[in-house]
Amino acid sequence: MTEITITKEDGAESGSDARRGRYVARVAGHDGEAELTYTHRGPGLISADHTGAPDSLKGTGAAAALVDYLIADARGNGFRIIPLCPYVRARYEKHPDWRDVMTVGPGEKPRIAGH
């Protein structure tokens, strides 16, 4: 089993862009990092904006681990997710039990005001 370490970098806590943050995955023995970026959209609401991984991490499970961590974080901290990222939506379709933390049903495309 590949060792994957995930950390959360929240702009609200770091003093950078307070609305934005990311989850970062590092895989033991591999260069680079995968990330899942998000935006705070209001109290108890974030959008999952983008998931990306360099070629060095393809096939390691890092991207899937990021989404799993996001879901656990939402459940543990009581926020809901607008799944804008196509990868997050694709994983959600395979895990309809995530409905409790998502703003739309599996297979539904979310909308953001002004987009």
C-alpha atoms as a PDB file:
ATOM      1  CA  MET A   1       0.000   0.000   0.000  1.00  0.00           C
ATOM      2  CA  THR A   2       1.334   3.418  -0.961  1.00  0.00           C
ATOM      3  CA  GLU A   3       1.712   5.872   1.910  1.00  0.00           C
ATOM      4  CA  ILE A   4      -0.177   9.075   1.124  1.00  0.00           C
ATOM      5  CA  THR A   5      -0.004  12.081   3.439  1.00  0.00           C
ATOM      6  CA  ILE A   6      -2.702  14.745   3.107  1.00  0.00           C
ATOM      7  CA  THR A   7      -2.649  18.231   4.579  1.00  0.00           C
ATOM      8  CA  LYS A   8      -5.105  21.099   4.390  1.00  0.00           C
ATOM      9  CA  GLU A   9      -3.955  24.620   3.589  1.00  0.00           C
ATOM     10  CA  ASP A  10      -6.742  27.120   4.237  1.00  0.00           C
ATOM     11  CA  GLY A  11      -6.275  30.719   3.101  1.00  0.00           C
ATOM     12  CA  ALA A  12      -8.460  31.918   5.971  1.00  0.00           C
ATOM     13  CA  GLU A  13      -5.940  30.456   8.424  1.00  0.00           C
ATOM     14  CA  SER A  14      -2.741  31.367   6.567  1.00  0.00           C
ATOM     15  CA  GLY A  15      -3.572  35.006   5.889  1.00  0.00           C
ATOM     16  CA  SER A  16      -3.388  34.626   2.108  1.00  0.00           C
ATOM     17  CA  ASP A  17      -6.589  34.662   0.022  1.00  0.00           C
ATOM     18  CA  ALA A  18      -9.133  34.024   2.781  1.00  0.00           C
ATOM     19  CA  ARG A  19     -11.696  32.483   0.414  1.00  0.00           C
ATOM     20  CA  ARG A  20      -9.416  29.865  -1.122  1.00  0.00           C
ATOM     21  CA  GLY A  21      -7.632  26.790   0.108  1.00  0.00           C
ATOM     22  CA  ARG A  22      -6.391  23.398  -0.937  1.00  0.00           C
ATOM     23  CA  TYR A  23      -5.846  19.850   0.190  1.00  0.00           C
ATOM     24  CA  VAL A  24      -2.372  18.589  -0.701  1.00  0.00           C
ATOM     25  CA  ALA A  25      -1.333  14.947  -1.133  1.00  0.00           C
ATOM     26  CA  ARG A  26       2.251  13.762  -1.007  1.00  0.00           C
ATOM     27  CA  VAL A  27       3.142  10.172  -1.798  1.00  0.00           C
ATOM     28  CA  ALA A  28       6.114   8.482  -0.151  1.00  0.00           C
ATOM     29  CA  GLY A  29       8.874   7.783  -2.660  1.00  0.00           C
ATOM     30  CA  HIS A  30       7.413  10.074  -5.351  1.00  0.00           C
ATOM     31  CA  ASP A  31       8.251  13.621  -6.352  1.00  0.00           C
ATOM     32  CA  GLY A  32       5.545  16.263  -6.631  1.00  0.00           C
ATOM     33  CA  GLU A  33       2.218  16.818  -4.960  1.00  0.00           C
ATOM     34  CA  ALA A  34      -1.413  16.452  -5.948  1.00  0.00           C
ATOM     35  CA  GLU A  35      -3.962  19.052  -4.929  1.00  0.00           C
ATOM     36  CA  LEU A  36      -7.683  19.619  -4.626  1.00  0.00           C
ATOM     37  CA  THR A  37      -8.474  23.342  -4.564  1.00  0.00           C
ATOM     38  CA  TYR A  38     -11.570  24.849  -3.006  1.00  0.00           C
ATOM     39  CA  THR A  39     -13.315  28.161  -2.427  1.00  0.00           C
ATOM     40  CA  HIS A  40     -15.342  29.225   0.616  1.00  0.00           C
ATOM     41  CA  ARG A  41     -18.759  30.204  -0.789  1.00  0.00           C
ATOM     42  CA  GLY A  42     -20.526  31.111   2.459  1.00  0.00           C
ATOM     43  CA  PRO A  43     -21.072  29.805   5.979  1.00  0.00           C
ATOM     44  CA  GLY A  44     -20.785  26.023   5.932  1.00  0.00           C
ATOM     45  CA  LEU A  45     -20.340  25.897   2.137  1.00  0.00           C
ATOM     46  CA  ILE A  46     -17.330  25.364  -0.140  1.00  0.00           C
ATOM     47  CA  SER A  47     -16.895  24.535  -3.787  1.00  0.00           C
ATOM     48  CA  ALA A  48     -14.473  21.800  -4.846  1.00  0.00           C
ATOM     49  CA  ASP A  49     -12.895  23.612  -7.791  1.00  0.00           C
ATOM     50  CA  HIS A  50     -10.087  21.496  -9.258  1.00  0.00           C
ATOM     51  CA  THR A  51      -8.185  18.280  -8.628  1.00  0.00           C
ATOM     52  CA  GLY A  52      -4.791  17.851 -10.229  1.00  0.00           C
ATOM     53  CA  ALA A  53      -1.769  15.593 -10.004  1.00  0.00           C
ATOM     54  CA  PRO A  54       1.553  15.637 -11.845  1.00  0.00           C
ATOM     55  CA  ASP A  55       2.534  12.691 -14.034  1.00  0.00           C
ATOM     56  CA  SER A  56       4.821  11.466 -11.244  1.00  0.00           C
ATOM     57  CA  LEU A  57       1.740  10.743  -9.091  1.00  0.00           C
ATOM     58  CA  LYS A  58      -0.586   9.270 -11.723  1.00  0.00           C
ATOM     59  CA  GLY A  59      -1.828   5.851 -10.637  1.00  0.00           C
ATOM     60  CA  THR A  60      -0.815   6.262  -6.992  1.00  0.00           C
ATOM     61  CA  GLY A  61      -4.333   6.912  -5.691  1.00  0.00           C
ATOM     62  CA  ALA A  62      -3.413  10.427  -4.557  1.00  0.00           C
ATOM     63  CA  ALA A  63      -6.319  12.159  -6.327  1.00  0.00           C
ATOM     64  CA  ALA A  64      -8.890   9.692  -4.979  1.00  0.00           C
ATOM     65  CA  ALA A  65      -7.396  10.054  -1.496  1.00  0.00           C
ATOM     66  CA  LEU A  66      -7.823  13.832  -1.728  1.00  0.00           C
ATOM     67  CA  VAL A  67     -11.526  13.500  -2.503  1.00  0.00           C
ATOM     68  CA  ASP A  68     -11.999  10.953   0.286  1.00  0.00           C
ATOM     69  CA  TYR A  69     -10.282  13.370   2.682  1.00  0.00           C
ATOM     70  CA  LEU A  70     -12.530  16.218   1.511  1.00  0.00           C
ATOM     71  CA  ILE A  71     -15.634  14.127   2.216  1.00  0.00           C
ATOM     72  CA  ALA A  72     -14.385  13.139   5.679  1.00  0.00           C
ATOM     73  CA  ASP A  73     -13.505  16.773   6.425  1.00  0.00           C
ATOM     74  CA  ALA A  74     -16.978  17.936   5.371  1.00  0.00           C
ATOM     75  CA  ARG A  75     -18.629  15.333   7.588  1.00  0.00           C
ATOM     76  CA  GLY A  76     -16.336  16.051  10.515  1.00  0.00           C
ATOM     77  CA  ASN A  77     -16.637  19.825  10.304  1.00  0.00           C
ATOM     78  CA  GLY A  78     -20.233  20.222   9.158  1.00  0.00           C
ATOM     79  CA  PHE A  79     -19.874  21.873   5.764  1.00  0.00           C
ATOM     80  CA  ARG A  80     -21.393  21.092   2.379  1.00  0.00           C
ATOM     81  CA  ILE A  81     -19.670  20.829  -0.983  1.00  0.00           C
ATOM     82  CA  ILE A  82     -20.566  22.263  -4.380  1.00  0.00           C
ATOM     83  CA  PRO A  83     -18.828  19.737  -6.672  1.00  0.00           C
ATOM     84  CA  LEU A  84     -17.579  21.962  -9.522  1.00  0.00           C
ATOM     85  CA  CYS A  85     -14.531  19.792 -10.274  1.00  0.00           C
ATOM     86  CA  PRO A  86     -15.280  17.097 -12.895  1.00  0.00           C
ATOM     87  CA  TYR A  87     -13.108  14.562 -11.040  1.00  0.00           C
ATOM     88  CA  VAL A  88     -14.972  15.132  -7.765  1.00  0.00           C
ATOM     89  CA  ARG A  89     -18.296  14.740  -9.622  1.00  0.00           C
ATOM     90  CA  ALA A  90     -17.090  11.516 -11.274  1.00  0.00           C
ATOM     91  CA  ARG A  91     -16.073  10.049  -7.899  1.00  0.00           C
ATOM     92  CA  TYR A  92     -19.406  11.181  -6.417  1.00  0.00           C
ATOM     93  CA  GLU A  93     -21.308   9.224  -9.076  1.00  0.00           C
ATOM     94  CA  LYS A  94     -19.568   6.096  -7.771  1.00  0.00           C
ATOM     95  CA  HIS A  95     -20.318   7.044  -4.145  1.00  0.00           C
ATOM     96  CA  PRO A  96     -23.940   8.254  -3.905  1.00  0.00           C
ATOM     97  CA  ASP A  97     -23.661   7.866  -0.119  1.00  0.00           C
ATOM     98  CA  TRP A  98     -21.799  11.204  -0.205  1.00  0.00           C
ATOM     99  CA  ARG A  99     -25.138  12.924  -0.848  1.00  0.00           C
ATOM    100  CA  ASP A 100     -25.222  14.082   2.797  1.00  0.00           C
ATOM    101  CA  VAL A 101     -22.374  16.548   2.157  1.00  0.00           C
ATOM    102  CA  MET A 102     -23.071  17.500  -1.476  1.00  0.00           C
ATOM    103  CA  THR A 103     -25.341  20.298  -2.692  1.00  0.00           C
ATOM    104  CA  VAL A 104     -26.589  18.322  -5.724  1.00  0.00           C
ATOM    105  CA  GLY A 105     -27.452  14.706  -6.427  1.00  0.00           C
ATOM    106  CA  PRO A 106     -25.074  12.276  -8.150  1.00  0.00           C
ATOM    107  CA  GLY A 107     -24.913  13.093 -11.872  1.00  0.00           C
ATOM    108  CA  GLU A 108     -26.391  16.584 -11.426  1.00  0.00           C
ATOM    109  CA  LYS A 109     -24.280  19.527 -12.561  1.00  0.00           C
ATOM    110  CA  PRO A 110     -23.990  22.234  -9.886  1.00  0.00           C
ATOM    111  CA  ARG A 111     -24.519  25.911 -10.537  1.00  0.00           C
ATOM    112  CA  ILE A 112     -22.911  28.928  -8.964  1.00  0.00           C
ATOM    113  CA  ALA A 113     -24.572  32.328  -9.149  1.00  0.00           C
ATOM    114  CA  GLY A 114     -22.719  34.489 -11.644  1.00  0.00           C
ATOM    115  CA  HIS A 115     -21.177  31.537 -13.534  1.00  0.00           C
END
